[in-house]
C-alpha atoms as a PDB file:
ATOM      1  CA  MET A   1      13.432 -10.860  -9.053  1.00  0.00           C
ATOM      2  CA  GLY A   2      12.723  -9.356 -12.508  1.00  0.00           C
ATOM      3  CA  LEU A   3       9.703 -10.309 -14.617  1.00  0.00           C
ATOM      4  CA  ARG A   4      11.842 -12.402 -16.973  1.00  0.00           C
ATOM      5  CA  SER A   5      13.419 -14.327 -14.094  1.00  0.00           C
ATOM      6  CA  MET A   6      10.009 -14.898 -12.527  1.00  0.00           C
ATOM      7  CA  LEU A   7       8.578 -16.197 -15.812  1.00  0.00           C
ATOM      8  CA  ASN A   8      11.561 -18.538 -16.199  1.00  0.00           C
ATOM      9  CA  THR A   9      11.025 -19.839 -12.663  1.00  0.00           C
ATOM     10  CA  PHE A  10       7.388 -20.792 -13.259  1.00  0.00           C
ATOM     11  CA  SER A  11       7.587 -21.904 -16.890  1.00  0.00           C
ATOM     12  CA  THR A  12       8.208 -25.401 -18.175  1.00  0.00           C
ATOM     13  CA  ASP A  13      11.357 -26.049 -20.210  1.00  0.00           C
ATOM     14  CA  ILE A  14      10.719 -28.372 -23.141  1.00  0.00           C
ATOM     15  CA  GLY A  15      13.296 -29.932 -25.439  1.00  0.00           C
ATOM     16  CA  ILE A  16      12.141 -31.236 -28.814  1.00  0.00           C
ATOM     17  CA  ASP A  17      13.945 -33.481 -31.249  1.00  0.00           C
ATOM     18  CA  LEU A  18      11.913 -32.603 -34.336  1.00  0.00           C
ATOM     19  CA  GLY A  19      12.956 -35.548 -36.448  1.00  0.00           C
ATOM     20  CA  THR A  20      12.070 -36.607 -39.967  1.00  0.00           C
ATOM     21  CA  CYS A  21      10.917 -40.007 -38.696  1.00  0.00           C
ATOM     22  CA  ASN A  22      10.113 -39.429 -35.026  1.00  0.00           C
ATOM     23  CA  THR A  23       9.465 -36.478 -32.719  1.00  0.00           C
ATOM     24  CA  LEU A  24      10.661 -36.736 -29.117  1.00  0.00           C
ATOM     25  CA  VAL A  25       9.658 -34.370 -26.318  1.00  0.00           C
ATOM     26  CA  PHE A  26      11.696 -33.932 -23.120  1.00  0.00           C
ATOM     27  CA  ILE A  27      10.445 -32.061 -20.034  1.00  0.00           C
ATOM     28  CA  ARG A  28      12.846 -30.964 -17.330  1.00  0.00           C
ATOM     29  CA  GLY A  29      12.347 -33.164 -14.269  1.00  0.00           C
ATOM     30  CA  LYS A  30      10.289 -35.783 -16.135  1.00  0.00           C
ATOM     31  CA  GLY A  31      12.587 -36.971 -18.917  1.00  0.00           C
ATOM     32  CA  VAL A  32      11.408 -37.991 -22.412  1.00  0.00           C
ATOM     33  CA  VAL A  33       7.614 -37.942 -22.143  1.00  0.00           C
ATOM     34  CA  ALA A  34       6.703 -38.487 -25.809  1.00  0.00           C
ATOM     35  CA  SER A  35       8.289 -40.387 -28.677  1.00  0.00           C
ATOM     36  CA  GLU A  36       6.067 -40.853 -31.703  1.00  0.00           C
ATOM     37  CA  PRO A  37       6.336 -40.868 -35.510  1.00  0.00           C
ATOM     38  CA  SER A  38       6.370 -37.450 -37.209  1.00  0.00           C
ATOM     39  CA  VAL A  39       3.169 -38.125 -39.137  1.00  0.00           C
ATOM     40  CA  VAL A  40      -0.115 -36.189 -39.326  1.00  0.00           C
ATOM     41  CA  ALA A  41      -3.342 -37.576 -40.830  1.00  0.00           C
ATOM     42  CA  VAL A  42      -5.812 -34.942 -42.082  1.00  0.00           C
ATOM     43  CA  GLU A  43      -9.075 -34.734 -44.016  1.00  0.00           C
ATOM     44  CA  ARG A  44      -8.327 -33.981 -47.653  1.00  0.00           C
ATOM     45  CA  GLY A  45     -10.690 -31.034 -48.098  1.00  0.00           C
ATOM     46  CA  THR A  46     -10.761 -29.344 -44.693  1.00  0.00           C
ATOM     47  CA  LYS A  47      -7.226 -30.263 -43.529  1.00  0.00           C
ATOM     48  CA  LYS A  48      -8.783 -31.106 -40.175  1.00  0.00           C
ATOM     49  CA  VAL A  49      -6.387 -33.232 -38.126  1.00  0.00           C
ATOM     50  CA  VAL A  50      -7.669 -36.795 -37.749  1.00  0.00           C
ATOM     51  CA  ALA A  51      -4.652 -38.335 -36.013  1.00  0.00           C
ATOM     52  CA  VAL A  52      -1.041 -37.561 -35.095  1.00  0.00           C
ATOM     53  CA  GLY A  53       1.958 -39.735 -34.281  1.00  0.00           C
ATOM     54  CA  GLU A  54       1.615 -43.482 -33.829  1.00  0.00           C
ATOM     55  CA  GLU A  55      -2.034 -43.595 -34.869  1.00  0.00           C
ATOM     56  CA  ALA A  56      -1.354 -41.487 -37.969  1.00  0.00           C
ATOM     57  CA  LYS A  57       1.616 -43.661 -38.996  1.00  0.00           C
ATOM     58  CA  ARG A  58      -0.638 -46.707 -39.064  1.00  0.00           C
ATOM     59  CA  MET A  59      -2.650 -44.816 -41.693  1.00  0.00           C
ATOM     60  CA  LEU A  60       0.377 -44.023 -43.887  1.00  0.00           C
ATOM     61  CA  TRP A  61      -0.202 -45.447 -47.390  1.00  0.00           C
ATOM     62  CA  LYS A  62      -3.425 -47.087 -46.130  1.00  0.00           C
ATOM     63  CA  THR A  63      -5.823 -44.138 -45.961  1.00  0.00           C
ATOM     64  CA  PRO A  64      -9.185 -43.884 -47.722  1.00  0.00           C
ATOM     65  CA  GLY A  65      -9.620 -41.223 -50.379  1.00  0.00           C
ATOM     66  CA  ASP A  66     -10.826 -38.511 -47.991  1.00  0.00           C
ATOM     67  CA  ILE A  67      -7.903 -38.829 -45.530  1.00  0.00           C
ATOM     68  CA  ILE A  68      -4.233 -38.002 -46.216  1.00  0.00           C
ATOM     69  CA  ALA A  69      -1.321 -39.143 -44.038  1.00  0.00           C
ATOM     70  CA  ILE A  70       1.497 -36.565 -44.221  1.00  0.00           C
ATOM     71  CA  ARG A  71       5.107 -36.553 -43.060  1.00  0.00           C
ATOM     72  CA  PRO A  72       5.582 -32.781 -42.595  1.00  0.00           C
ATOM     73  CA  LEU A  73       9.385 -33.005 -42.323  1.00  0.00           C
ATOM     74  CA  ARG A  74      11.768 -34.228 -44.988  1.00  0.00           C
ATOM     75  CA  HIS A  75      15.546 -34.523 -44.590  1.00  0.00           C
ATOM     76  CA  GLY A  76      15.346 -32.837 -41.201  1.00  0.00           C
ATOM     77  CA  VAL A  77      13.571 -29.699 -42.424  1.00  0.00           C
ATOM     78  CA  ILE A  78       9.977 -28.528 -42.556  1.00  0.00           C
ATOM     79  CA  ALA A  79       8.234 -29.425 -45.806  1.00  0.00           C
ATOM     80  CA  ASP A  80       4.754 -28.431 -44.556  1.00  0.00           C
ATOM     81  CA  LEU A  81       4.748 -25.537 -42.081  1.00  0.00           C
ATOM     82  CA  GLU A  82       1.054 -25.752 -41.200  1.00  0.00           C
ATOM     83  CA  MET A  83       1.159 -29.480 -40.468  1.00  0.00           C
ATOM     84  CA  THR A  84       4.365 -29.117 -38.440  1.00  0.00           C
ATOM     85  CA  GLU A  85       2.716 -26.483 -36.274  1.00  0.00           C
ATOM     86  CA  LYS A  86      -0.312 -28.729 -35.708  1.00  0.00           C
ATOM     87  CA  MET A  87       1.957 -31.662 -34.869  1.00  0.00           C
ATOM     88  CA  ILE A  88       3.984 -29.667 -32.321  1.00  0.00           C
ATOM     89  CA  ARG A  89       0.772 -28.304 -30.785  1.00  0.00           C
ATOM     90  CA  TYR A  90      -0.578 -31.864 -30.462  1.00  0.00           C
ATOM     91  CA  PHE A  91       2.543 -33.164 -28.705  1.00  0.00           C
ATOM     92  CA  ILE A  92       2.717 -30.184 -26.343  1.00  0.00           C
ATOM     93  CA  SER A  93      -0.967 -30.447 -25.382  1.00  0.00           C
ATOM     94  CA  LYS A  94      -0.483 -34.177 -24.840  1.00  0.00           C
ATOM     95  CA  VAL A  95       2.468 -33.837 -22.457  1.00  0.00           C
ATOM     96  CA  LEU A  96       1.165 -30.722 -20.667  1.00  0.00           C
ATOM     97  CA  GLN A  97      -2.352 -31.852 -19.829  1.00  0.00           C
ATOM     98  CA  ARG A  98      -3.372 -28.678 -18.029  1.00  0.00           C
ATOM     99  CA  ARG A  99      -3.854 -25.009 -18.806  1.00  0.00           C
ATOM    100  CA  TRP A 100      -0.519 -23.186 -18.861  1.00  0.00           C
ATOM    101  CA  PHE A 101       0.060 -20.632 -16.106  1.00  0.00           C
ATOM    102  CA  VAL A 102       3.123 -19.475 -18.025  1.00  0.00           C
ATOM    103  CA  LYS A 103       3.791 -20.510 -21.612  1.00  0.00           C
ATOM    104  CA  PRO A 104       6.699 -22.968 -21.888  1.00  0.00           C
ATOM    105  CA  ARG A 105      10.184 -22.269 -23.186  1.00  0.00           C
ATOM    106  CA  MET A 106      11.206 -24.599 -26.023  1.00  0.00           C
ATOM    107  CA  VAL A 107      14.547 -25.644 -27.439  1.00  0.00           C
ATOM    108  CA  ILE A 108      14.445 -27.544 -30.717  1.00  0.00           C
ATOM    109  CA  GLY A 109      17.258 -29.593 -32.217  1.00  0.00           C
ATOM    110  CA  VAL A 110      17.821 -28.872 -35.927  1.00  0.00           C
ATOM    111  CA  PRO A 111      20.444 -29.998 -38.459  1.00  0.00           C
ATOM    112  CA  SER A 112      23.279 -27.529 -39.028  1.00  0.00           C
ATOM    113  CA  CYS A 113      22.732 -27.814 -42.804  1.00  0.00           C
ATOM    114  CA  ILE A 114      19.355 -26.046 -42.770  1.00  0.00           C
ATOM    115  CA  THR A 115      19.056 -22.506 -44.093  1.00  0.00           C
ATOM    116  CA  ASP A 116      18.081 -19.428 -42.079  1.00  0.00           C
ATOM    117  CA  VAL A 117      14.664 -19.517 -43.764  1.00  0.00           C
ATOM    118  CA  GLU A 118      14.154 -23.146 -42.724  1.00  0.00           C
ATOM    119  CA  LYS A 119      15.347 -22.327 -39.201  1.00  0.00           C
ATOM    120  CA  ARG A 120      12.867 -19.471 -38.993  1.00  0.00           C
ATOM    121  CA  ALA A 121      10.093 -21.851 -40.077  1.00  0.00           C
ATOM    122  CA  VAL A 122      10.922 -24.099 -37.106  1.00  0.00           C
ATOM    123  CA  VAL A 123      10.794 -21.144 -34.702  1.00  0.00           C
ATOM    124  CA  GLU A 124       7.480 -19.879 -36.139  1.00  0.00           C
ATOM    125  CA  SER A 125       5.910 -23.337 -35.826  1.00  0.00           C
ATOM    126  CA  ALA A 126       6.875 -23.565 -32.150  1.00  0.00           C
ATOM    127  CA  GLU A 127       5.692 -20.013 -31.414  1.00  0.00           C
ATOM    128  CA  LYS A 128       2.318 -20.650 -33.038  1.00  0.00           C
ATOM    129  CA  ALA A 129       2.069 -23.903 -31.078  1.00  0.00           C
ATOM    130  CA  GLY A 130       2.257 -21.920 -27.820  1.00  0.00           C
ATOM    131  CA  ALA A 131       5.906 -21.394 -26.894  1.00  0.00           C
ATOM    132  CA  ARG A 132       6.875 -18.245 -24.987  1.00  0.00           C
ATOM    133  CA  GLU A 133      10.518 -18.447 -26.018  1.00  0.00           C
ATOM    134  CA  VAL A 134      12.076 -20.621 -28.717  1.00  0.00           C
ATOM    135  CA  ARG A 135      15.720 -21.489 -29.337  1.00  0.00           C
ATOM    136  CA  VAL A 136      17.215 -23.750 -31.960  1.00  0.00           C
ATOM    137  CA  ILE A 137      20.344 -25.811 -31.345  1.00  0.00           C
ATOM    138  CA  GLU A 138      22.415 -27.904 -33.737  1.00  0.00           C
ATOM    139  CA  GLU A 139      21.553 -31.574 -33.351  1.00  0.00           C
ATOM    140  CA  SER A 140      25.097 -32.774 -32.756  1.00  0.00           C
ATOM    141  CA  LEU A 141      25.652 -30.226 -29.964  1.00  0.00           C
ATOM    142  CA  ALA A 142      22.326 -31.230 -28.393  1.00  0.00           C
ATOM    143  CA  ALA A 143      23.329 -34.884 -28.747  1.00  0.00           C
ATOM    144  CA  ALA A 144      26.663 -34.190 -27.022  1.00  0.00           C
ATOM    145  CA  ILE A 145      24.896 -32.524 -24.090  1.00  0.00           C
ATOM    146  CA  GLY A 146      22.368 -35.377 -23.933  1.00  0.00           C
ATOM    147  CA  ALA A 147      25.146 -37.985 -24.044  1.00  0.00           C
ATOM    148  CA  ASN A 148      26.749 -36.257 -21.027  1.00  0.00           C
ATOM    149  CA  ILE A 149      30.006 -35.568 -22.849  1.00  0.00           C
ATOM    150  CA  GLU A 150      32.456 -33.237 -21.086  1.00  0.00           C
ATOM    151  CA  ILE A 151      32.198 -30.620 -23.828  1.00  0.00           C
ATOM    152  CA  PHE A 152      33.632 -27.765 -21.727  1.00  0.00           C
ATOM    153  CA  GLU A 153      37.012 -29.501 -21.572  1.00  0.00           C
ATOM    154  CA  PRO A 154      39.876 -28.073 -23.660  1.00  0.00           C
ATOM    155  CA  ALA A 155      39.834 -31.302 -25.654  1.00  0.00           C
ATOM    156  CA  GLY A 156      38.243 -32.560 -28.853  1.00  0.00           C
ATOM    157  CA  HIS A 157      35.091 -34.705 -28.895  1.00  0.00           C
ATOM    158  CA  MET A 158      33.530 -35.983 -32.124  1.00  0.00           C
ATOM    159  CA  VAL A 159      29.795 -36.680 -32.234  1.00  0.00           C
ATOM    160  CA  CYS A 160      28.066 -38.285 -35.209  1.00  0.00           C
ATOM    161  CA  ASP A 161      24.272 -37.989 -35.023  1.00  0.00           C
ATOM    162  CA  ILE A 162      22.534 -40.218 -37.602  1.00  0.00           C
ATOM    163  CA  GLY A 163      18.871 -39.320 -37.795  1.00  0.00           C
ATOM    164  CA  GLY A 164      16.098 -40.268 -40.175  1.00  0.00           C
ATOM    165  CA  GLY A 165      16.751 -37.523 -42.718  1.00  0.00           C
ATOM    166  CA  THR A 166      20.199 -36.145 -41.916  1.00  0.00           C
ATOM    167  CA  THR A 167      23.585 -37.105 -40.518  1.00  0.00           C
ATOM    168  CA  GLU A 168      25.551 -34.450 -38.650  1.00  0.00           C
ATOM    169  CA  ILE A 169      29.190 -34.811 -37.588  1.00  0.00           C
ATOM    170  CA  SER A 170      30.776 -32.259 -35.263  1.00  0.00           C
ATOM    171  CA  VAL A 171      34.005 -31.770 -33.373  1.00  0.00           C
ATOM    172  CA  ILE A 172      33.307 -30.011 -30.065  1.00  0.00           C
ATOM    173  CA  SER A 173      35.745 -28.369 -27.670  1.00  0.00           C
ATOM    174  CA  LEU A 174      35.371 -25.770 -24.890  1.00  0.00           C
ATOM    175  CA  GLY A 175      31.586 -25.771 -25.271  1.00  0.00           C
ATOM    176  CA  GLY A 176      31.574 -24.869 -28.967  1.00  0.00           C
ATOM    177  CA  MET A 177      31.625 -26.606 -32.329  1.00  0.00           C
ATOM    178  CA  VAL A 178      35.037 -26.323 -33.980  1.00  0.00           C
ATOM    179  CA  VAL A 179      34.126 -28.249 -37.127  1.00  0.00           C
ATOM    180  CA  THR A 180      30.668 -29.378 -38.232  1.00  0.00           C
ATOM    181  CA  ASN A 181      29.349 -30.995 -41.406  1.00  0.00           C
ATOM    182  CA  ALA A 182      25.933 -32.353 -42.253  1.00  0.00           C
ATOM    183  CA  ILE A 183      24.480 -34.302 -45.151  1.00  0.00           C
ATOM    184  CA  ARG A 184      20.868 -35.090 -45.956  1.00  0.00           C
ATOM    185  CA  THR A 185      21.429 -38.819 -45.677  1.00  0.00           C
ATOM    186  CA  GLY A 186      20.094 -40.934 -42.815  1.00  0.00           C
ATOM    187  CA  GLY A 187      17.851 -43.829 -41.911  1.00  0.00           C
ATOM    188  CA  ASP A 188      15.282 -42.887 -44.574  1.00  0.00           C
ATOM    189  CA  GLU A 189      17.916 -43.407 -47.268  1.00  0.00           C
ATOM    190  CA  PHE A 190      18.625 -46.897 -45.876  1.00  0.00           C
ATOM    191  CA  ASP A 191      14.911 -47.703 -46.302  1.00  0.00           C
ATOM    192  CA  GLU A 192      14.747 -46.201 -49.792  1.00  0.00           C
ATOM    193  CA  ALA A 193      17.817 -48.181 -50.850  1.00  0.00           C
ATOM    194  CA  ILE A 194      16.189 -51.425 -49.668  1.00  0.00           C
ATOM    195  CA  ILE A 195      12.957 -50.590 -51.535  1.00  0.00           C
ATOM    196  CA  LYS A 196      14.919 -49.867 -54.722  1.00  0.00           C
ATOM    197  CA  HIS A 197      16.988 -53.067 -54.420  1.00  0.00           C
ATOM    198  CA  VAL A 198      13.965 -55.335 -53.909  1.00  0.00           C
ATOM    199  CA  ARG A 199      12.171 -53.712 -56.854  1.00  0.00           C
ATOM    200  CA  THR A 200      15.205 -53.915 -59.165  1.00  0.00           C
ATOM    201  CA  VAL A 201      16.426 -57.407 -58.284  1.00  0.00           C
ATOM    202  CA  HIS A 202      13.170 -59.196 -57.462  1.00  0.00           C
ATOM    203  CA  ASN A 203      10.499 -57.152 -59.280  1.00  0.00           C
ATOM    204  CA  LEU A 204       8.690 -56.755 -55.965  1.00  0.00           C
ATOM    205  CA  LYS A 205       7.236 -53.477 -54.737  1.00  0.00           C
ATOM    206  CA  ILE A 206       7.357 -52.997 -50.964  1.00  0.00           C
ATOM    207  CA  GLY A 207       6.486 -50.047 -48.728  1.00  0.00           C
ATOM    208  CA  GLU A 208       8.519 -47.993 -46.265  1.00  0.00           C
ATOM    209  CA  GLY A 209       7.208 -50.006 -43.318  1.00  0.00           C
ATOM    210  CA  THR A 210       8.435 -53.302 -44.764  1.00  0.00           C
ATOM    211  CA  ALA A 211      11.824 -51.819 -45.655  1.00  0.00           C
ATOM    212  CA  GLU A 212      12.222 -50.415 -42.140  1.00  0.00           C
ATOM    213  CA  GLU A 213      11.303 -53.781 -40.652  1.00  0.00           C
ATOM    214  CA  LEU A 214      13.919 -55.510 -42.826  1.00  0.00           C
ATOM    215  CA  LYS A 215      16.563 -52.999 -41.783  1.00  0.00           C
ATOM    216  CA  ARG A 216      15.841 -53.438 -38.082  1.00  0.00           C
ATOM    217  CA  ALA A 217      15.445 -57.224 -38.130  1.00  0.00           C
ATOM    218  CA  ILE A 218      18.323 -58.392 -40.351  1.00  0.00           C
ATOM    219  CA  GLY A 219      20.116 -55.215 -41.467  1.00  0.00           C
ATOM    220  CA  ASN A 220      23.884 -55.247 -40.958  1.00  0.00           C
ATOM    221  CA  ALA A 221      26.615 -52.846 -42.052  1.00  0.00           C
ATOM    222  CA  THR A 222      29.331 -55.520 -41.892  1.00  0.00           C
ATOM    223  CA  ALA A 223      29.611 -59.137 -42.962  1.00  0.00           C
ATOM    224  CA  ASP A 224      28.348 -61.532 -40.306  1.00  0.00           C
ATOM    225  CA  LYS A 225      29.122 -65.235 -39.829  1.00  0.00           C
ATOM    226  CA  ILE A 226      25.419 -66.010 -39.530  1.00  0.00           C
ATOM    227  CA  ILE A 227      23.235 -65.181 -42.542  1.00  0.00           C
ATOM    228  CA  GLU A 228      19.771 -64.220 -41.345  1.00  0.00           C
ATOM    229  CA  LYS A 229      16.628 -64.527 -43.463  1.00  0.00           C
ATOM    230  CA  MET A 230      13.211 -62.909 -43.388  1.00  0.00           C
ATOM    231  CA  GLU A 231      10.010 -63.325 -45.382  1.00  0.00           C
ATOM    232  CA  ILE A 232       8.398 -60.171 -46.749  1.00  0.00           C
ATOM    233  CA  LYS A 233       5.221 -59.449 -48.681  1.00  0.00           C
ATOM    234  CA  GLY A 234       4.656 -57.017 -51.505  1.00  0.00           C
ATOM    235  CA  THR A 235       3.190 -56.506 -54.948  1.00  0.00           C
ATOM    236  CA  ASP A 236       4.669 -58.145 -58.042  1.00  0.00           C
ATOM    237  CA  ALA A 237       5.823 -55.307 -60.310  1.00  0.00           C
ATOM    238  CA  ILE A 238       4.910 -57.274 -63.453  1.00  0.00           C
ATOM    239  CA  THR A 239       1.642 -59.046 -62.603  1.00  0.00           C
ATOM    240  CA  GLY A 240       0.368 -56.620 -59.995  1.00  0.00           C
ATOM    241  CA  LEU A 241      -0.511 -59.537 -57.718  1.00  0.00           C
ATOM    242  CA  PRO A 242       0.512 -59.981 -54.048  1.00  0.00           C
ATOM    243  CA  ARG A 243       3.633 -62.083 -53.575  1.00  0.00           C
ATOM    244  CA  ARG A 244       5.913 -63.354 -50.800  1.00  0.00           C
ATOM    245  CA  LEU A 245       9.688 -63.279 -50.906  1.00  0.00           C
ATOM    246  CA  GLU A 246      12.437 -64.547 -48.630  1.00  0.00           C
ATOM    247  CA  ILE A 247      15.395 -62.171 -48.433  1.00  0.00           C
ATOM    248  CA  ASP A 248      18.642 -62.558 -46.506  1.00  0.00           C
ATOM    249  CA  SER A 249      20.931 -60.221 -44.574  1.00  0.00           C
ATOM    250  CA  VAL A 250      23.613 -60.276 -47.295  1.00  0.00           C
ATOM    251  CA  GLU A 251      21.198 -58.683 -49.774  1.00  0.00           C
ATOM    252  CA  VAL A 252      20.107 -56.075 -47.253  1.00  0.00           C
ATOM    253  CA  ARG A 253      23.752 -55.198 -46.519  1.00  0.00           C
ATOM    254  CA  ASP A 254      24.485 -54.843 -50.243  1.00  0.00           C
ATOM    255  CA  ALA A 255      21.392 -52.675 -50.691  1.00  0.00           C
ATOM    256  CA  ILE A 256      22.390 -50.094 -48.080  1.00  0.00           C
ATOM    257  CA  GLN A 257      26.081 -49.800 -48.959  1.00  0.00           C
ATOM    258  CA  GLU A 258      25.699 -46.522 -50.865  1.00  0.00           C
ATOM    259  CA  PRO A 259      24.136 -44.409 -48.058  1.00  0.00           C
ATOM    260  CA  ILE A 260      26.492 -45.989 -45.506  1.00  0.00           C
ATOM    261  CA  THR A 261      29.483 -45.050 -47.682  1.00  0.00           C
ATOM    262  CA  GLU A 262      28.194 -41.458 -47.928  1.00  0.00           C
ATOM    263  CA  ILE A 263      28.079 -41.212 -44.123  1.00  0.00           C
ATOM    264  CA  ILE A 264      31.557 -42.704 -43.665  1.00  0.00           C
ATOM    265  CA  ASP A 265      33.008 -40.395 -46.334  1.00  0.00           C
ATOM    266  CA  GLU A 266      31.540 -37.388 -44.478  1.00  0.00           C
ATOM    267  CA  ILE A 267      33.064 -38.599 -41.203  1.00  0.00           C
ATOM    268  CA  LYS A 268      36.460 -38.917 -42.917  1.00  0.00           C
ATOM    269  CA  ARG A 269      36.079 -35.426 -44.401  1.00  0.00           C
ATOM    270  CA  THR A 270      35.306 -33.975 -40.972  1.00  0.00           C
ATOM    271  CA  LEU A 271      38.308 -35.733 -39.447  1.00  0.00           C
ATOM    272  CA  GLY A 272      40.445 -34.253 -42.230  1.00  0.00           C
ATOM    273  CA  GLN A 273      39.226 -30.743 -41.347  1.00  0.00           C
ATOM    274  CA  THR A 274      39.929 -31.176 -37.628  1.00  0.00           C
ATOM    275  CA  PRO A 275      42.950 -29.354 -36.148  1.00  0.00           C
ATOM    276  CA  PRO A 276      45.749 -31.839 -35.345  1.00  0.00           C
ATOM    277  CA  GLU A 277      45.622 -31.297 -31.558  1.00  0.00           C
ATOM    278  CA  LEU A 278      41.895 -32.066 -31.454  1.00  0.00           C
ATOM    279  CA  ALA A 279      42.288 -34.967 -33.885  1.00  0.00           C
ATOM    280  CA  ALA A 280      44.755 -36.532 -31.446  1.00  0.00           C
ATOM    281  CA  ASP A 281      42.110 -36.285 -28.695  1.00  0.00           C
ATOM    282  CA  ILE A 282      39.520 -37.969 -30.940  1.00  0.00           C
ATOM    283  CA  VAL A 283      41.880 -40.850 -31.717  1.00  0.00           C
ATOM    284  CA  GLU A 284      42.237 -41.367 -27.964  1.00  0.00           C
ATOM    285  CA  ARG A 285      38.595 -40.776 -26.950  1.00  0.00           C
ATOM    286  CA  GLY A 286      36.835 -42.126 -30.021  1.00  0.00           C
ATOM    287  CA  ILE A 287      33.766 -41.089 -32.017  1.00  0.00           C
ATOM    288  CA  ILE A 288      30.380 -41.088 -30.258  1.00  0.00           C
ATOM    289  CA  LEU A 289      27.393 -42.252 -32.332  1.00  0.00           C
ATOM    290  CA  THR A 290      23.876 -41.012 -31.560  1.00  0.00           C
ATOM    291  CA  GLY A 291      20.514 -41.075 -33.342  1.00  0.00           C
ATOM    292  CA  GLY A 292      18.300 -43.928 -34.503  1.00  0.00           C
ATOM    293  CA  GLY A 293      20.494 -44.645 -37.529  1.00  0.00           C
ATOM    294  CA  SER A 294      23.392 -45.526 -35.226  1.00  0.00           C
ATOM    295  CA  LEU A 295      21.448 -48.609 -34.098  1.00  0.00           C
ATOM    296  CA  LEU A 296      22.117 -50.377 -37.409  1.00  0.00           C
ATOM    297  CA  LYS A 297      23.972 -53.548 -36.503  1.00  0.00           C
ATOM    298  CA  GLY A 298      27.712 -53.426 -37.227  1.00  0.00           C
ATOM    299  CA  LEU A 299      27.778 -49.736 -38.185  1.00  0.00           C
ATOM    300  CA  ASP A 300      30.050 -48.782 -35.285  1.00  0.00           C
ATOM    301  CA  ALA A 301      32.520 -51.537 -36.195  1.00  0.00           C
ATOM    302  CA  LEU A 302      32.543 -50.524 -39.880  1.00  0.00           C
ATOM    303  CA  ILE A 303      33.184 -46.841 -39.107  1.00  0.00           C
ATOM    304  CA  ALA A 304      36.008 -47.815 -36.728  1.00  0.00           C
ATOM    305  CA  HIS A 305      37.552 -50.040 -39.413  1.00  0.00           C
ATOM    306  CA  GLU A 306      37.302 -47.387 -42.129  1.00  0.00           C
ATOM    307  CA  THR A 307      38.633 -44.477 -40.031  1.00  0.00           C
ATOM    308  CA  GLY A 308      41.063 -46.199 -37.678  1.00  0.00           C
ATOM    309  CA  VAL A 309      39.364 -44.400 -34.759  1.00  0.00           C
ATOM    310  CA  PRO A 310      37.514 -46.139 -31.893  1.00  0.00           C
ATOM    311  CA  VAL A 311      33.732 -45.768 -32.173  1.00  0.00           C
ATOM    312  CA  PHE A 312      31.231 -45.934 -29.327  1.00  0.00           C
ATOM    313  CA  ARG A 313      27.461 -45.831 -29.389  1.00  0.00           C
ATOM    314  CA  ALA A 314      25.913 -43.487 -26.808  1.00  0.00           C
ATOM    315  CA  GLU A 315      24.117 -45.127 -23.904  1.00  0.00           C
ATOM    316  CA  ASP A 316      20.720 -43.832 -25.046  1.00  0.00           C
ATOM    317  CA  PRO A 317      21.249 -42.855 -28.711  1.00  0.00           C
ATOM    318  CA  LEU A 318      17.581 -42.328 -29.571  1.00  0.00           C
ATOM    319  CA  ASN A 319      16.958 -39.764 -26.823  1.00  0.00           C
ATOM    320  CA  CYS A 320      20.238 -37.790 -26.818  1.00  0.00           C
ATOM    321  CA  VAL A 321      19.061 -34.843 -28.951  1.00  0.00           C
ATOM    322  CA  ALA A 322      15.789 -34.388 -27.037  1.00  0.00           C
ATOM    323  CA  LEU A 323      17.602 -34.656 -23.701  1.00  0.00           C
ATOM    324  CA  GLY A 324      20.294 -32.177 -24.732  1.00  0.00           C
ATOM    325  CA  ALA A 325      17.709 -29.718 -26.075  1.00  0.00           C
ATOM    326  CA  GLY A 326      15.772 -29.917 -22.814  1.00  0.00           C
ATOM    327  CA  LEU A 327      18.886 -29.066 -20.814  1.00  0.00           C
ATOM    328  CA  TYR A 328      20.065 -26.312 -23.144  1.00  0.00           C
ATOM    329  CA  PHE A 329      19.138 -23.416 -20.867  1.00  0.00           C
ATOM    330  CA  ASP A 330      21.378 -24.952 -18.191  1.00  0.00           C
ATOM    331  CA  PHE A 331      24.032 -25.310 -20.884  1.00  0.00           C
ATOM    332  CA  GLU A 332      23.789 -21.551 -21.528  1.00  0.00           C
ATOM    333  CA  LYS A 333      24.396 -20.924 -17.838  1.00  0.00           C
ATOM    334  CA  GLY A 334      27.404 -23.201 -18.140  1.00  0.00           C
ATOM    335  CA  ILE A 335      28.813 -21.031 -20.927  1.00  0.00           C
ATOM    336  CA  GLN A 336      28.357 -17.926 -18.786  1.00  0.00           C
ATOM    337  CA  ASN A 337      29.822 -19.527 -15.672  1.00  0.00           C
ATOM    338  CA  ASN A 338      32.242 -21.867 -17.492  1.00  0.00           C
ATOM    339  CA  THR A 339      30.813 -24.752 -15.480  1.00  0.00           C
ATOM    340  CA  VAL A 340      29.028 -27.908 -16.540  1.00  0.00           C
ATOM    341  CA  VAL A 341      25.750 -27.304 -14.727  1.00  0.00           C
ATOM    342  CA  TYR A 342      23.591 -29.559 -16.893  1.00  0.00           C
ATOM    343  CA  LYS A 343      25.169 -32.819 -15.752  1.00  0.00           C
ATOM    344  CA  ASN A 344      23.148 -35.402 -13.845  1.00  0.00           C
ATOM    345  CA  LEU A 345      19.953 -33.341 -13.842  1.00  0.00           C
END
C-alpha cells in the first residue's frame, strides 16, 4: 500500500455545503453532523471570534458596539476570506473532537457561477482550516449524488438546487453535467423582497429574521384556497416607533414573485439548451428540486405548471449537497470504474 493510499485509509472524509445562509458538514459513516447558520461574531478591534453559527446568528443586528456579527458568504461566494476560514475551522473542530492522526480530506460544494479566483479562495480557506486535500464540486452535481439519482445512466436528469444565495440548474447524464446554469438568486432574495414590500406598502421596517419567519410560516408560490395571516413587529419608517402589523399570505406571495420568476425563467432557459434526447428523458422523469429554497410552499407546483414538466422535491432537500460532497471520493471511483459505488453508503 502506497503512502497516499494509507493516508486515505486513515483519514476522515468530510463533505461541506458552504452555504450563504447555512453551513452543513457531513462525515462518512456518521451523516450530517453539523447544520448551523453561516454567521461569525467577532470583536470589532481584535477580530477575535466570539461566537459562530447558531449563537452568532442570534447576535445578528443585535450586537453591542464592540461586537460585529458577520455573514462571510454572499450569493454563494466568499466575501470575507479570513472569517470563512475561521468558520470552517470552528465547524471542523466541533465535529472532530479529537486530535487528528491524519488531516481530513474535504469536498466543498460551490455554485458553478463562481470564478476561478473565488474557487481558489474556498480551497485556501479549507486548507488553512486543516484539510489535507480539498476538492470543489458544483452544487447541483453534489445534490444529484446526495439525492441518490442514477447519474451514470445514459439518460438525462435535471436538478435544480435553490440555496440561500444562488440557484443552480443542471442536466446530468453519464456522470457529467451536459448543461448547467446558475444565477445569484435564492432564498435571501425572497427575504429581501418581503422586507422591501413591507417597507414600501406599509411603511414598516423589518429585519431579515422577521422576513424569513414570514416566508416559512405563510409564504406560498401559488394561490391557495386558505388565506393565512401572521402578526409581525417592526419600526415605523415615519415615526421611528415600534409597531405591529398583520400581513397575509397573498401579500407575501405578491412580494416574492420577482425572484421566483427569475428562477423559473432560468429553468426554462436550461430546458431550452438541453439536447432533445435528454429533454425527452426529463419530461418523463421530471425535475428534482433540492436546497432550502425548494421548501417554499407551492414552488414545485408552480414550476411544473410553468414548464409542463413534472417536478419532485428530493427526500432530504436541505442535506443533499453536503451528503453528495461527502460521498464525492466514492463518486470519483465510480467514474473510473463506471459503477455507482456511492449508493446506499
